[in-house]
């Protein structure tokens, strides 16, 4: 397997993303939201006919309490911030896990500029972290080289590279799920404590 991994990564890591300053200040109707997301993120789709976001998806997110309902059928910039998080998280997390993870964020939904500040901060961290990921992938590729010989050498090295990348994804997903489980337990404990305090006051 002889490829120029550095050159390929320059192309592969060229993902579309939504800059904080690109999020519209004005409220949008459903069609405008789906159009905005499609225009900004369409190049991330694997296949040409894949949809970035649909009306059905948005309605399901609202139904499952991942997203607050629109006000007079209009979606604010805070709705967009939450939709961006959901867009990325839904690729490897369940609806229930996303709900748990975003629940505390929803508490800031109506606060002025709170979600904007959070999005901007995490966005900057992710851009910087891309450099770390690129180096890690390059090192993983180097590990997969020269591990096999013979007729199927190229295929087996490619299999090794994909397997190592997949293991990395699997392990990180396990960690994310454990963290969300701990978050869920903490939220439930807080709720239970509030109930007990309320019951004690009423007695």
C-alpha atoms as a PDB file:
ATOM      1  CA  UNK A   1       0.000   0.000   0.000  1.00  0.00           C
ATOM      2  CA  UNK A   2       1.906   2.987  -1.261  1.00  0.00           C
ATOM      3  CA  UNK A   3      -0.017   6.252  -0.947  1.00  0.00           C
ATOM      4  CA  UNK A   4       0.883   9.810  -0.099  1.00  0.00           C
ATOM      5  CA  UNK A   5      -1.011   9.977   3.187  1.00  0.00           C
ATOM      6  CA  UNK A   6      -0.178  13.641   3.834  1.00  0.00           C
ATOM      7  CA  UNK A   7      -1.611  14.753   0.498  1.00  0.00           C
ATOM      8  CA  UNK A   8      -4.686  12.556   0.870  1.00  0.00           C
ATOM      9  CA  UNK A   9      -5.397  13.834   4.371  1.00  0.00           C
ATOM     10  CA  UNK A  10      -5.358  17.389   3.074  1.00  0.00           C
ATOM     11  CA  UNK A  11      -8.332  16.410   0.923  1.00  0.00           C
ATOM     12  CA  UNK A  12     -10.050  14.006   3.315  1.00  0.00           C
ATOM     13  CA  UNK A  13     -10.012  16.441   6.236  1.00  0.00           C
ATOM     14  CA  UNK A  14     -11.435  19.259   4.112  1.00  0.00           C
ATOM     15  CA  UNK A  15     -14.845  18.905   5.717  1.00  0.00           C
ATOM     16  CA  UNK A  16     -17.518  21.537   5.423  1.00  0.00           C
ATOM     17  CA  UNK A  17     -18.286  23.295   8.672  1.00  0.00           C
ATOM     18  CA  UNK A  18     -20.360  26.249   9.784  1.00  0.00           C
ATOM     19  CA  UNK A  19     -18.404  29.225  11.026  1.00  0.00           C
ATOM     20  CA  UNK A  20     -19.923  30.915  14.082  1.00  0.00           C
ATOM     21  CA  UNK A  21     -20.251  34.157  12.128  1.00  0.00           C
ATOM     22  CA  UNK A  22     -22.143  32.356   9.329  1.00  0.00           C
ATOM     23  CA  UNK A  23     -25.097  31.447  11.536  1.00  0.00           C
ATOM     24  CA  UNK A  24     -27.953  33.790  10.542  1.00  0.00           C
ATOM     25  CA  UNK A  25     -28.951  36.484  13.011  1.00  0.00           C
ATOM     26  CA  UNK A  26     -32.515  36.492  11.717  1.00  0.00           C
ATOM     27  CA  UNK A  27     -35.081  33.788  12.454  1.00  0.00           C
ATOM     28  CA  UNK A  28     -35.722  31.250   9.721  1.00  0.00           C
ATOM     29  CA  UNK A  29     -38.649  29.155   8.560  1.00  0.00           C
ATOM     30  CA  UNK A  30     -38.227  25.384   8.256  1.00  0.00           C
ATOM     31  CA  UNK A  31     -37.418  25.462   4.520  1.00  0.00           C
ATOM     32  CA  UNK A  32     -34.809  28.155   5.094  1.00  0.00           C
ATOM     33  CA  UNK A  33     -33.187  26.096   7.863  1.00  0.00           C
ATOM     34  CA  UNK A  34     -32.868  22.966   5.706  1.00  0.00           C
ATOM     35  CA  UNK A  35     -31.553  25.052   2.781  1.00  0.00           C
ATOM     36  CA  UNK A  36     -28.971  26.762   4.990  1.00  0.00           C
ATOM     37  CA  UNK A  37     -27.702  23.469   6.429  1.00  0.00           C
ATOM     38  CA  UNK A  38     -27.604  21.858   2.989  1.00  0.00           C
ATOM     39  CA  UNK A  39     -25.614  24.711   1.491  1.00  0.00           C
ATOM     40  CA  UNK A  40     -23.078  24.720   4.313  1.00  0.00           C
ATOM     41  CA  UNK A  41     -22.614  20.979   4.878  1.00  0.00           C
ATOM     42  CA  UNK A  42     -23.557  19.208   1.628  1.00  0.00           C
ATOM     43  CA  UNK A  43     -19.957  18.300   0.740  1.00  0.00           C
ATOM     44  CA  UNK A  44     -19.773  16.151   3.888  1.00  0.00           C
ATOM     45  CA  UNK A  45     -22.367  13.771   2.467  1.00  0.00           C
ATOM     46  CA  UNK A  46     -20.959  10.463   1.299  1.00  0.00           C
ATOM     47  CA  UNK A  47     -23.343  10.138  -1.646  1.00  0.00           C
ATOM     48  CA  UNK A  48     -24.612  12.871  -3.916  1.00  0.00           C
ATOM     49  CA  UNK A  49     -28.301  12.220  -3.185  1.00  0.00           C
ATOM     50  CA  UNK A  50     -27.856  12.141   0.629  1.00  0.00           C
ATOM     51  CA  UNK A  51     -29.752  14.824   2.539  1.00  0.00           C
ATOM     52  CA  UNK A  52     -28.006  16.843   5.229  1.00  0.00           C
ATOM     53  CA  UNK A  53     -31.201  17.727   7.065  1.00  0.00           C
ATOM     54  CA  UNK A  54     -34.885  17.207   6.312  1.00  0.00           C
ATOM     55  CA  UNK A  55     -38.143  18.523   7.722  1.00  0.00           C
ATOM     56  CA  UNK A  56     -38.883  15.061   9.110  1.00  0.00           C
ATOM     57  CA  UNK A  57     -35.559  15.028  10.953  1.00  0.00           C
ATOM     58  CA  UNK A  58     -36.191  18.436  12.525  1.00  0.00           C
ATOM     59  CA  UNK A  59     -39.703  17.414  13.600  1.00  0.00           C
ATOM     60  CA  UNK A  60     -38.323  14.208  15.140  1.00  0.00           C
ATOM     61  CA  UNK A  61     -35.654  16.153  17.041  1.00  0.00           C
ATOM     62  CA  UNK A  62     -38.338  18.424  18.457  1.00  0.00           C
ATOM     63  CA  UNK A  63     -40.568  15.454  19.289  1.00  0.00           C
ATOM     64  CA  UNK A  64     -37.691  13.771  21.133  1.00  0.00           C
ATOM     65  CA  UNK A  65     -36.836  16.985  23.036  1.00  0.00           C
ATOM     66  CA  UNK A  66     -33.455  17.444  21.388  1.00  0.00           C
ATOM     67  CA  UNK A  67     -34.638  20.755  20.002  1.00  0.00           C
ATOM     68  CA  UNK A  68     -37.095  23.323  21.408  1.00  0.00           C
ATOM     69  CA  UNK A  69     -40.155  23.923  19.224  1.00  0.00           C
ATOM     70  CA  UNK A  70     -40.034  26.899  16.860  1.00  0.00           C
ATOM     71  CA  UNK A  71     -41.677  30.156  17.852  1.00  0.00           C
ATOM     72  CA  UNK A  72     -44.416  31.061  15.380  1.00  0.00           C
ATOM     73  CA  UNK A  73     -42.904  28.508  12.976  1.00  0.00           C
ATOM     74  CA  UNK A  74     -39.542  30.297  13.055  1.00  0.00           C
ATOM     75  CA  UNK A  75     -36.162  28.965  14.201  1.00  0.00           C
ATOM     76  CA  UNK A  76     -33.620  31.187  15.936  1.00  0.00           C
ATOM     77  CA  UNK A  77     -29.822  31.083  15.739  1.00  0.00           C
ATOM     78  CA  UNK A  78     -29.869  29.012  18.947  1.00  0.00           C
ATOM     79  CA  UNK A  79     -31.909  26.394  17.113  1.00  0.00           C
ATOM     80  CA  UNK A  80     -29.187  26.333  14.449  1.00  0.00           C
ATOM     81  CA  UNK A  81     -26.425  25.824  17.008  1.00  0.00           C
ATOM     82  CA  UNK A  82     -28.262  22.837  18.481  1.00  0.00           C
ATOM     83  CA  UNK A  83     -28.992  21.414  15.027  1.00  0.00           C
ATOM     84  CA  UNK A  84     -25.282  21.558  14.160  1.00  0.00           C
ATOM     85  CA  UNK A  85     -24.418  19.537  17.272  1.00  0.00           C
ATOM     86  CA  UNK A  86     -27.163  17.033  16.489  1.00  0.00           C
ATOM     87  CA  UNK A  87     -25.941  16.773  12.876  1.00  0.00           C
ATOM     88  CA  UNK A  88     -22.513  15.564  14.011  1.00  0.00           C
ATOM     89  CA  UNK A  89     -23.543  13.526  17.055  1.00  0.00           C
ATOM     90  CA  UNK A  90     -26.243  11.494  15.276  1.00  0.00           C
ATOM     91  CA  UNK A  91     -23.547   9.731  13.259  1.00  0.00           C
ATOM     92  CA  UNK A  92     -22.426   7.695  16.256  1.00  0.00           C
ATOM     93  CA  UNK A  93     -24.773   8.349  19.192  1.00  0.00           C
ATOM     94  CA  UNK A  94     -28.362   7.321  19.846  1.00  0.00           C
ATOM     95  CA  UNK A  95     -31.171   9.859  20.127  1.00  0.00           C
ATOM     96  CA  UNK A  96     -31.348   9.117  23.852  1.00  0.00           C
ATOM     97  CA  UNK A  97     -27.621   9.757  24.338  1.00  0.00           C
ATOM     98  CA  UNK A  98     -27.809  13.024  22.394  1.00  0.00           C
ATOM     99  CA  UNK A  99     -30.779  14.093  24.498  1.00  0.00           C
ATOM    100  CA  UNK A 100     -28.848  13.468  27.722  1.00  0.00           C
ATOM    101  CA  UNK A 101     -25.764  15.259  26.414  1.00  0.00           C
ATOM    102  CA  UNK A 102     -27.619  18.340  25.153  1.00  0.00           C
ATOM    103  CA  UNK A 103     -30.115  18.633  28.021  1.00  0.00           C
ATOM    104  CA  UNK A 104     -27.872  20.970  30.083  1.00  0.00           C
ATOM    105  CA  UNK A 105     -27.198  23.010  26.952  1.00  0.00           C
ATOM    106  CA  UNK A 106     -30.932  23.460  26.455  1.00  0.00           C
ATOM    107  CA  UNK A 107     -31.048  25.268  29.809  1.00  0.00           C
ATOM    108  CA  UNK A 108     -29.005  28.064  28.192  1.00  0.00           C
ATOM    109  CA  UNK A 109     -31.261  28.187  25.156  1.00  0.00           C
ATOM    110  CA  UNK A 110     -33.035  31.454  25.937  1.00  0.00           C
ATOM    111  CA  UNK A 111     -30.011  33.228  27.423  1.00  0.00           C
ATOM    112  CA  UNK A 112     -28.530  35.996  25.288  1.00  0.00           C
ATOM    113  CA  UNK A 113     -25.415  34.848  23.433  1.00  0.00           C
ATOM    114  CA  UNK A 114     -24.862  31.864  25.778  1.00  0.00           C
ATOM    115  CA  UNK A 115     -25.045  29.206  23.051  1.00  0.00           C
ATOM    116  CA  UNK A 116     -23.119  31.417  20.653  1.00  0.00           C
ATOM    117  CA  UNK A 117     -20.230  31.683  23.121  1.00  0.00           C
ATOM    118  CA  UNK A 118     -20.258  27.920  23.771  1.00  0.00           C
ATOM    119  CA  UNK A 119     -20.345  27.125  20.050  1.00  0.00           C
ATOM    120  CA  UNK A 120     -17.538  29.592  19.267  1.00  0.00           C
ATOM    121  CA  UNK A 121     -15.311  28.196  22.030  1.00  0.00           C
ATOM    122  CA  UNK A 122     -15.786  24.544  21.079  1.00  0.00           C
ATOM    123  CA  UNK A 123     -15.466  25.375  17.377  1.00  0.00           C
ATOM    124  CA  UNK A 124     -12.030  26.910  18.017  1.00  0.00           C
ATOM    125  CA  UNK A 125     -10.972  23.858  20.038  1.00  0.00           C
ATOM    126  CA  UNK A 126     -12.061  21.506  17.249  1.00  0.00           C
ATOM    127  CA  UNK A 127     -10.162  23.443  14.578  1.00  0.00           C
ATOM    128  CA  UNK A 128      -7.005  23.223  16.675  1.00  0.00           C
ATOM    129  CA  UNK A 129      -7.605  19.547  17.466  1.00  0.00           C
ATOM    130  CA  UNK A 130      -7.716  18.712  13.748  1.00  0.00           C
ATOM    131  CA  UNK A 131      -3.920  19.081  13.669  1.00  0.00           C
ATOM    132  CA  UNK A 132      -3.592  16.477  16.440  1.00  0.00           C
ATOM    133  CA  UNK A 133      -5.913  14.083  14.621  1.00  0.00           C
ATOM    134  CA  UNK A 134      -4.023  14.501  11.356  1.00  0.00           C
ATOM    135  CA  UNK A 135      -0.736  13.576  13.050  1.00  0.00           C
ATOM    136  CA  UNK A 136      -2.372  10.598  14.756  1.00  0.00           C
ATOM    137  CA  UNK A 137      -3.769   9.275  11.451  1.00  0.00           C
ATOM    138  CA  UNK A 138      -0.396   9.650   9.762  1.00  0.00           C
ATOM    139  CA  UNK A 139       1.254   7.669  12.583  1.00  0.00           C
ATOM    140  CA  UNK A 140      -1.436   4.986  12.312  1.00  0.00           C
ATOM    141  CA  UNK A 141      -0.780   4.689   8.589  1.00  0.00           C
ATOM    142  CA  UNK A 142       2.948   4.242   9.176  1.00  0.00           C
ATOM    143  CA  UNK A 143       2.237   1.448  11.680  1.00  0.00           C
ATOM    144  CA  UNK A 144       0.209  -0.439   9.078  1.00  0.00           C
ATOM    145  CA  UNK A 145       3.053  -0.461   6.551  1.00  0.00           C
ATOM    146  CA  UNK A 146       5.428  -3.386   6.136  1.00  0.00           C
ATOM    147  CA  UNK A 147       3.415  -5.609   8.488  1.00  0.00           C
ATOM    148  CA  UNK A 148       2.743  -8.179   5.761  1.00  0.00           C
ATOM    149  CA  UNK A 149       4.525  -9.582   2.759  1.00  0.00           C
ATOM    150  CA  UNK A 150       3.584 -11.721  -0.190  1.00  0.00           C
ATOM    151  CA  UNK A 151       0.908 -11.618  -2.852  1.00  0.00           C
ATOM    152  CA  UNK A 152      -1.778  -9.854  -0.759  1.00  0.00           C
ATOM    153  CA  UNK A 153       0.581  -7.394   0.935  1.00  0.00           C
ATOM    154  CA  UNK A 154      -1.160  -4.235  -0.311  1.00  0.00           C
ATOM    155  CA  UNK A 155      -4.650  -5.423   0.643  1.00  0.00           C
ATOM    156  CA  UNK A 156      -3.538  -6.637   4.094  1.00  0.00           C
ATOM    157  CA  UNK A 157      -1.766  -3.358   4.849  1.00  0.00           C
ATOM    158  CA  UNK A 158      -4.893  -1.463   3.846  1.00  0.00           C
ATOM    159  CA  UNK A 159      -6.945  -3.787   6.038  1.00  0.00           C
ATOM    160  CA  UNK A 160      -4.539  -3.095   8.919  1.00  0.00           C
ATOM    161  CA  UNK A 161      -4.859   0.665   8.415  1.00  0.00           C
ATOM    162  CA  UNK A 162      -8.667   0.547   8.319  1.00  0.00           C
ATOM    163  CA  UNK A 163      -8.778  -1.820  11.313  1.00  0.00           C
ATOM    164  CA  UNK A 164      -6.591   0.466  13.421  1.00  0.00           C
ATOM    165  CA  UNK A 165      -8.687   3.504  12.506  1.00  0.00           C
ATOM    166  CA  UNK A 166     -11.866   1.547  13.285  1.00  0.00           C
ATOM    167  CA  UNK A 167     -10.499   0.409  16.642  1.00  0.00           C
ATOM    168  CA  UNK A 168      -9.723   4.031  17.468  1.00  0.00           C
ATOM    169  CA  UNK A 169     -13.310   5.023  16.648  1.00  0.00           C
ATOM    170  CA  UNK A 170     -14.726   2.090  18.621  1.00  0.00           C
ATOM    171  CA  UNK A 171     -12.642   2.847  21.708  1.00  0.00           C
ATOM    172  CA  UNK A 172     -13.489   6.548  21.676  1.00  0.00           C
ATOM    173  CA  UNK A 173     -17.185   5.748  21.197  1.00  0.00           C
ATOM    174  CA  UNK A 174     -17.040   3.492  24.258  1.00  0.00           C
ATOM    175  CA  UNK A 175     -15.503   6.321  26.286  1.00  0.00           C
ATOM    176  CA  UNK A 176     -18.116   8.816  25.065  1.00  0.00           C
ATOM    177  CA  UNK A 177     -20.942   6.435  26.034  1.00  0.00           C
ATOM    178  CA  UNK A 178     -19.439   5.881  29.505  1.00  0.00           C
ATOM    179  CA  UNK A 179     -19.191   9.637  30.024  1.00  0.00           C
ATOM    180  CA  UNK A 180     -22.816  10.111  28.962  1.00  0.00           C
ATOM    181  CA  UNK A 181     -23.905   7.299  31.311  1.00  0.00           C
ATOM    182  CA  UNK A 182     -22.156   9.088  34.173  1.00  0.00           C
ATOM    183  CA  UNK A 183     -23.777  12.363  33.138  1.00  0.00           C
ATOM    184  CA  UNK A 184     -27.195  10.681  33.088  1.00  0.00           C
ATOM    185  CA  UNK A 185     -26.658   9.177  36.555  1.00  0.00           C
ATOM    186  CA  UNK A 186     -25.608  12.574  37.909  1.00  0.00           C
ATOM    187  CA  UNK A 187     -28.701  14.249  36.432  1.00  0.00           C
ATOM    188  CA  UNK A 188     -30.975  11.586  37.944  1.00  0.00           C
ATOM    189  CA  UNK A 189     -29.271  11.928  41.328  1.00  0.00           C
ATOM    190  CA  UNK A 190     -29.787  15.693  41.254  1.00  0.00           C
ATOM    191  CA  UNK A 191     -33.472  15.222  40.409  1.00  0.00           C
ATOM    192  CA  UNK A 192     -33.881  12.703  43.207  1.00  0.00           C
ATOM    193  CA  UNK A 193     -32.235  15.036  45.730  1.00  0.00           C
ATOM    194  CA  UNK A 194     -34.570  17.856  44.709  1.00  0.00           C
ATOM    195  CA  UNK A 195     -37.584  15.584  45.161  1.00  0.00           C
ATOM    196  CA  UNK A 196     -36.422  14.508  48.601  1.00  0.00           C
ATOM    197  CA  UNK A 197     -35.821  18.123  49.667  1.00  0.00           C
ATOM    198  CA  UNK A 198     -39.255  19.123  48.378  1.00  0.00           C
ATOM    199  CA  UNK A 199     -40.903  16.220  50.240  1.00  0.00           C
ATOM    200  CA  UNK A 200     -39.073  17.127  53.434  1.00  0.00           C
ATOM    201  CA  UNK A 201     -40.344  20.725  53.240  1.00  0.00           C
ATOM    202  CA  UNK A 202     -43.922  19.598  52.677  1.00  0.00           C
ATOM    203  CA  UNK A 203     -43.907  17.306  55.747  1.00  0.00           C
END
